PDB file of N, CA and C in Angstrom:
ATOM      1  N   MET A   1      -5.535  -5.822  19.021  1.00  0.00           N
ATOM      2  CA  MET A   1      -5.054  -7.115  19.421  1.00  0.00           C
ATOM      3  C   MET A   1      -3.643  -6.964  19.995  1.00  0.00           C
ATOM      4  N   MET A   2      -3.412  -7.560  21.127  1.00  0.00           N
ATOM      5  CA  MET A   2      -2.115  -7.457  21.788  1.00  0.00           C
ATOM      6  C   MET A   2      -1.182  -8.577  21.336  1.00  0.00           C
ATOM      7  N   HIS A   3       0.082  -8.216  21.155  1.00  0.00           N
ATOM      8  CA  HIS A   3       1.144  -9.153  20.806  1.00  0.00           C
ATOM      9  C   HIS A   3       2.296  -8.928  21.766  1.00  0.00           C
ATOM     10  N   VAL A   4       3.239  -9.843  21.757  1.00  0.00           N
ATOM     11  CA  VAL A   4       4.429  -9.702  22.588  1.00  0.00           C
ATOM     12  C   VAL A   4       5.635  -9.541  21.681  1.00  0.00           C
ATOM     13  N   ASP A   5       6.437  -8.524  21.951  1.00  0.00           N
ATOM     14  CA  ASP A   5       7.711  -8.337  21.252  1.00  0.00           C
ATOM     15  C   ASP A   5       8.590  -9.514  21.669  1.00  0.00           C
ATOM     16  N   ILE A   6       8.953 -10.385  20.723  1.00  0.00           N
ATOM     17  CA  ILE A   6       9.681 -11.602  21.082  1.00  0.00           C
ATOM     18  C   ILE A   6      11.146 -11.345  21.426  1.00  0.00           C
ATOM     19  N   VAL A   7      11.603 -10.112  21.244  1.00  0.00           N
ATOM     20  CA  VAL A   7      12.972  -9.766  21.614  1.00  0.00           C
ATOM     21  C   VAL A   7      13.039  -9.322  23.072  1.00  0.00           C
ATOM     22  N   CYS A   8      12.139  -8.416  23.476  1.00  0.00           N
ATOM     23  CA  CYS A   8      12.208  -7.860  24.832  1.00  0.00           C
ATOM     24  C   CYS A   8      11.016  -8.247  25.712  1.00  0.00           C
ATOM     25  N   ASN A   9      10.063  -8.975  25.138  1.00  0.00           N
ATOM     26  CA  ASN A   9       8.876  -9.458  25.854  1.00  0.00           C
ATOM     27  C   ASN A   9       7.892  -8.374  26.289  1.00  0.00           C
ATOM     28  N   ARG A  10       7.952  -7.196  25.687  1.00  0.00           N
ATOM     29  CA  ARG A  10       6.959  -6.163  25.973  1.00  0.00           C
ATOM     30  C   ARG A  10       5.682  -6.458  25.219  1.00  0.00           C
ATOM     31  N   ARG A  11       4.557  -6.098  25.813  1.00  0.00           N
ATOM     32  CA  ARG A  11       3.257  -6.251  25.135  1.00  0.00           C
ATOM     33  C   ARG A  11       3.057  -5.070  24.198  1.00  0.00           C
ATOM     34  N   ILE A  12       2.551  -5.370  22.982  1.00  0.00           N
ATOM     35  CA  ILE A  12       2.373  -4.362  21.950  1.00  0.00           C
ATOM     36  C   ILE A  12       0.986  -4.489  21.354  1.00  0.00           C
ATOM     37  N   ASP A  13       0.322  -3.349  21.167  1.00  0.00           N
ATOM     38  CA  ASP A  13      -0.969  -3.326  20.493  1.00  0.00           C
ATOM     39  C   ASP A  13      -0.689  -3.288  18.993  1.00  0.00           C
ATOM     40  N   ALA A  14      -1.063  -4.345  18.279  1.00  0.00           N
ATOM     41  CA  ALA A  14      -0.771  -4.453  16.844  1.00  0.00           C
ATOM     42  C   ALA A  14      -1.396  -3.321  16.035  1.00  0.00           C
ATOM     43  N   SER A  15      -2.516  -2.789  16.485  1.00  0.00           N
ATOM     44  CA  SER A  15      -3.173  -1.720  15.729  1.00  0.00           C
ATOM     45  C   SER A  15      -2.388  -0.406  15.767  1.00  0.00           C
ATOM     46  N   SER A  16      -1.521  -0.238  16.736  1.00  0.00           N
ATOM     47  CA  SER A  16      -0.728   0.986  16.810  1.00  0.00           C
ATOM     48  C   SER A  16       0.774   0.725  16.713  1.00  0.00           C
ATOM     49  N   ALA A  17       1.170  -0.504  16.447  1.00  0.00           N
ATOM     50  CA  ALA A  17       2.594  -0.838  16.340  1.00  0.00           C
ATOM     51  C   ALA A  17       3.206  -0.164  15.116  1.00  0.00           C
ATOM     52  N   ILE A  18       4.394   0.356  15.272  1.00  0.00           N
ATOM     53  CA  ILE A  18       5.111   1.008  14.180  1.00  0.00           C
ATOM     54  C   ILE A  18       6.049   0.017  13.497  1.00  0.00           C
ATOM     55  N   TRP A  19       6.702  -0.862  14.274  1.00  0.00           N
ATOM     56  CA  TRP A  19       7.713  -1.765  13.731  1.00  0.00           C
ATOM     57  C   TRP A  19       7.202  -3.194  13.685  1.00  0.00           C
ATOM     58  N   ALA A  20       7.358  -3.813  12.524  1.00  0.00           N
ATOM     59  CA  ALA A  20       6.960  -5.208  12.346  1.00  0.00           C
ATOM     60  C   ALA A  20       7.872  -5.853  11.322  1.00  0.00           C
ATOM     61  N   SER A  21       7.938  -7.157  11.369  1.00  0.00           N
ATOM     62  CA  SER A  21       8.717  -7.908  10.395  1.00  0.00           C
ATOM     63  C   SER A  21       7.968  -9.182  10.061  1.00  0.00           C
ATOM     64  N   ARG A  22       7.931  -9.512   8.797  1.00  0.00           N
ATOM     65  CA  ARG A  22       7.274 -10.740   8.358  1.00  0.00           C
ATOM     66  C   ARG A  22       8.366 -11.781   8.141  1.00  0.00           C
ATOM     67  N   TYR A  23       8.203 -12.923   8.788  1.00  0.00           N
ATOM     68  CA  TYR A  23       9.223 -13.971   8.728  1.00  0.00           C
ATOM     69  C   TYR A  23       8.539 -15.329   8.714  1.00  0.00           C
ATOM     70  N   HIS A  24       8.873 -16.124   7.730  1.00  0.00           N
ATOM     71  CA  HIS A  24       8.343 -17.487   7.609  1.00  0.00           C
ATOM     72  C   HIS A  24       6.818 -17.505   7.656  1.00  0.00           C
ATOM     73  N   GLY A  25       6.202 -16.515   6.979  1.00  0.00           N
ATOM     74  CA  GLY A  25       4.748 -16.454   6.896  1.00  0.00           C
ATOM     75  C   GLY A  25       4.048 -15.854   8.104  1.00  0.00           C
ATOM     76  N   GLU A  26       4.786 -15.428   9.096  1.00  0.00           N
ATOM     77  CA  GLU A  26       4.208 -14.836  10.308  1.00  0.00           C
ATOM     78  C   GLU A  26       4.662 -13.385  10.432  1.00  0.00           C
ATOM     79  N   THR A  27       3.801 -12.549  10.985  1.00  0.00           N
ATOM     80  CA  THR A  27       4.172 -11.169  11.261  1.00  0.00           C
ATOM     81  C   THR A  27       4.472 -11.028  12.744  1.00  0.00           C
ATOM     82  N   TYR A  28       5.615 -10.440  13.040  1.00  0.00           N
ATOM     83  CA  TYR A  28       6.038 -10.201  14.416  1.00  0.00           C
ATOM     84  C   TYR A  28       6.106  -8.696  14.620  1.00  0.00           C
ATOM     85  N   PHE A  29       5.586  -8.227  15.762  1.00  0.00           N
ATOM     86  CA  PHE A  29       5.551  -6.805  16.071  1.00  0.00           C
ATOM     87  C   PHE A  29       6.593  -6.489  17.132  1.00  0.00           C
ATOM     88  N   PHE A  30       7.185  -5.289  17.024  1.00  0.00           N
ATOM     89  CA  PHE A  30       8.272  -4.895  17.915  1.00  0.00           C
ATOM     90  C   PHE A  30       8.017  -3.516  18.515  1.00  0.00           C
ATOM     91  N   CYS A  31       8.552  -3.305  19.693  1.00  0.00           N
ATOM     92  CA  CYS A  31       8.362  -2.021  20.381  1.00  0.00           C
ATOM     93  C   CYS A  31       9.293  -0.943  19.840  1.00  0.00           C
ATOM     94  N   SER A  32      10.370  -1.348  19.170  1.00  0.00           N
ATOM     95  CA  SER A  32      11.346  -0.376  18.681  1.00  0.00           C
ATOM     96  C   SER A  32      12.077  -0.905  17.454  1.00  0.00           C
ATOM     97  N   LEU A  33      12.734   0.006  16.767  1.00  0.00           N
ATOM     98  CA  LEU A  33      13.562  -0.368  15.629  1.00  0.00           C
ATOM     99  C   LEU A  33      14.688  -1.289  16.087  1.00  0.00           C
ATOM    100  N   MET A  34      15.252  -1.009  17.249  1.00  0.00           N
ATOM    101  CA  MET A  34      16.347  -1.832  17.761  1.00  0.00           C
ATOM    102  C   MET A  34      15.913  -3.286  17.946  1.00  0.00           C
ATOM    103  N   CYS A  35      14.733  -3.516  18.507  1.00  0.00           N
ATOM    104  CA  CYS A  35      14.247  -4.897  18.675  1.00  0.00           C
ATOM    105  C   CYS A  35      14.023  -5.556  17.324  1.00  0.00           C
ATOM    106  N   ARG A  36      13.427  -4.814  16.382  1.00  0.00           N
ATOM    107  CA  ARG A  36      13.198  -5.387  15.056  1.00  0.00           C
ATOM    108  C   ARG A  36      14.514  -5.747  14.380  1.00  0.00           C
ATOM    109  N   GLU A  37      15.511  -4.879  14.471  1.00  0.00           N
ATOM    110  CA  GLU A  37      16.807  -5.150  13.851  1.00  0.00           C
ATOM    111  C   GLU A  37      17.498  -6.350  14.493  1.00  0.00           C
ATOM    112  N   ARG A  38      17.415  -6.466  15.808  1.00  0.00           N
ATOM    113  CA  ARG A  38      18.009  -7.632  16.489  1.00  0.00           C
ATOM    114  C   ARG A  38      17.361  -8.917  15.999  1.00  0.00           C
ATOM    115  N   PHE A  39      16.032  -8.913  15.856  1.00  0.00           N
ATOM    116  CA  PHE A  39      15.320 -10.088  15.363  1.00  0.00           C
ATOM    117  C   PHE A  39      15.754 -10.415  13.938  1.00  0.00           C
ATOM    118  N   GLU A  40      15.819  -9.417  13.074  1.00  0.00           N
ATOM    119  CA  GLU A  40      16.140  -9.664  11.673  1.00  0.00           C
ATOM    120  C   GLU A  40      17.571 -10.143  11.476  1.00  0.00           C
ATOM    121  N   LEU A  41      18.481  -9.754  12.347  1.00  0.00           N
ATOM    122  CA  LEU A  41      19.863 -10.232  12.252  1.00  0.00           C
ATOM    123  C   LEU A  41      19.977 -11.709  12.635  1.00  0.00           C
ATOM    124  N   GLU A  42      19.266 -12.134  13.655  1.00  0.00           N
ATOM    125  CA  GLU A  42      19.355 -13.502  14.169  1.00  0.00           C
ATOM    126  C   GLU A  42      17.988 -14.019  14.603  1.00  0.00           C
ATOM    127  N   PRO A  43      17.044 -14.231  13.671  1.00  0.00           N
ATOM    128  CA  PRO A  43      15.709 -14.675  14.071  1.00  0.00           C
ATOM    129  C   PRO A  43      15.725 -15.994  14.836  1.00  0.00           C
ATOM    130  N   GLY A  44      16.676 -16.867  14.542  1.00  0.00           N
ATOM    131  CA  GLY A  44      16.773 -18.153  15.230  1.00  0.00           C
ATOM    132  C   GLY A  44      17.020 -18.022  16.718  1.00  0.00           C
ATOM    133  N   ASP A  45      17.575 -16.885  17.144  1.00  0.00           N
ATOM    134  CA  ASP A  45      17.800 -16.656  18.575  1.00  0.00           C
ATOM    135  C   ASP A  45      16.489 -16.448  19.327  1.00  0.00           C
ATOM    136  N   PHE A  46      15.423 -16.078  18.610  1.00  0.00           N
ATOM    137  CA  PHE A  46      14.164 -15.719  19.251  1.00  0.00           C
ATOM    138  C   PHE A  46      13.018 -16.673  18.944  1.00  0.00           C
ATOM    139  N   LEU A  47      13.219 -17.588  17.992  1.00  0.00           N
ATOM    140  CA  LEU A  47      12.173 -18.519  17.580  1.00  0.00           C
ATOM    141  C   LEU A  47      12.574 -19.954  17.881  1.00  0.00           C
ATOM    142  N   ALA A  48      11.562 -20.804  17.976  1.00  0.00           N
ATOM    143  CA  ALA A  48      11.820 -22.231  18.117  1.00  0.00           C
ATOM    144  C   ALA A  48      12.516 -22.722  16.851  1.00  0.00           C
ATOM    145  N   PRO A  49      13.320 -23.773  16.911  1.00  0.00           N
ATOM    146  CA  PRO A  49      14.076 -24.247  15.744  1.00  0.00           C
ATOM    147  C   PRO A  49      13.237 -24.474  14.491  1.00  0.00           C
ATOM    148  N   ALA A  50      12.049 -25.015  14.597  1.00  0.00           N
ATOM    149  CA  ALA A  50      11.215 -25.267  13.420  1.00  0.00           C
ATOM    150  C   ALA A  50      10.772 -23.966  12.765  1.00  0.00           C
ATOM    151  N   GLU A  51      10.589 -22.902  13.543  1.00  0.00           N
ATOM    152  CA  GLU A  51      10.132 -21.622  13.009  1.00  0.00           C
ATOM    153  C   GLU A  51      11.243 -20.870  12.292  1.00  0.00           C
ATOM    154  N   SER A  52      12.499 -21.142  12.606  1.00  0.00           N
ATOM    155  CA  SER A  52      13.604 -20.366  12.048  1.00  0.00           C
ATOM    156  C   SER A  52      14.336 -21.105  10.936  1.00  0.00           C
ATOM    157  N   SER A  53      13.666 -21.993  10.230  1.00  0.00           N
ATOM    158  CA  SER A  53      14.326 -22.808   9.226  1.00  0.00           C
ATOM    159  C   SER A  53      14.670 -22.065   7.940  1.00  0.00           C
ATOM    160  N   THR A  54      14.070 -20.903   7.667  1.00  0.00           N
ATOM    161  CA  THR A  54      14.435 -20.122   6.486  1.00  0.00           C
ATOM    162  C   THR A  54      15.234 -18.915   6.914  1.00  0.00           C
ATOM    163  N   VAL A  55      15.989 -18.347   5.997  1.00  0.00           N
ATOM    164  CA  VAL A  55      16.869 -17.253   6.368  1.00  0.00           C
ATOM    165  C   VAL A  55      16.427 -15.888   5.870  1.00  0.00           C
ATOM    166  N   SER A  56      15.423 -15.811   5.013  1.00  0.00           N
ATOM    167  CA  SER A  56      15.029 -14.508   4.486  1.00  0.00           C
ATOM    168  C   SER A  56      13.928 -13.881   5.339  1.00  0.00           C
ATOM    169  N   THR A  57      13.942 -12.551   5.385  1.00  0.00           N
ATOM    170  CA  THR A  57      12.882 -11.815   6.071  1.00  0.00           C
ATOM    171  C   THR A  57      12.372 -10.731   5.150  1.00  0.00           C
ATOM    172  N   ASP A  58      11.115 -10.391   5.287  1.00  0.00           N
ATOM    173  CA  ASP A  58      10.519  -9.267   4.583  1.00  0.00           C
ATOM    174  C   ASP A  58      10.228  -8.208   5.619  1.00  0.00           C
ATOM    175  N   VAL A  59      10.636  -6.992   5.360  1.00  0.00           N
ATOM    176  CA  VAL A  59      10.409  -5.906   6.305  1.00  0.00           C
ATOM    177  C   VAL A  59       9.026  -5.323   6.061  1.00  0.00           C
ATOM    178  N   VAL A  60       8.285  -5.153   7.145  1.00  0.00           N
ATOM    179  CA  VAL A  60       6.966  -4.541   7.094  1.00  0.00           C
ATOM    180  C   VAL A  60       6.980  -3.390   8.082  1.00  0.00           C
ATOM    181  N   MET A  61       6.627  -2.198   7.651  1.00  0.00           N
ATOM    182  CA  MET A  61       6.594  -1.065   8.573  1.00  0.00           C
ATOM    183  C   MET A  61       5.215  -0.463   8.539  1.00  0.00           C
ATOM    184  N   HIS A  62       4.601  -0.347   9.699  1.00  0.00           N
ATOM    185  CA  HIS A  62       3.296   0.279   9.835  1.00  0.00           C
ATOM    186  C   HIS A  62       3.518   1.680  10.356  1.00  0.00           C
ATOM    187  N   VAL A  63       3.038   2.667   9.650  1.00  0.00           N
ATOM    188  CA  VAL A  63       3.206   4.056  10.082  1.00  0.00           C
ATOM    189  C   VAL A  63       1.901   4.518  10.703  1.00  0.00           C
ATOM    190  N   VAL A  64       2.019   5.053  11.913  1.00  0.00           N
ATOM    191  CA  VAL A  64       0.851   5.577  12.617  1.00  0.00           C
ATOM    192  C   VAL A  64       0.784   7.062  12.327  1.00  0.00           C
ATOM    193  N   SER A  65      -0.364   7.498  11.843  1.00  0.00           N
ATOM    194  CA  SER A  65      -0.491   8.936  11.527  1.00  0.00           C
ATOM    195  C   SER A  65      -1.275   9.655  12.579  1.00  0.00           C
TER     196      SER A  65
END
């Protein structure tokens, strides 16, 4: 399933994504650690106001072997 990195707008295949973050009940996939870190520092910069109402994030990392 394809997703879009909401930081840089690259398309990402969720089945092979290495970097992800769970925020407000949703999982977001990223093309790089840098994109994931930017999102986790300021998720409100990348989400609609209603989606960014909480401040905590859970880190999820998928390792591809």
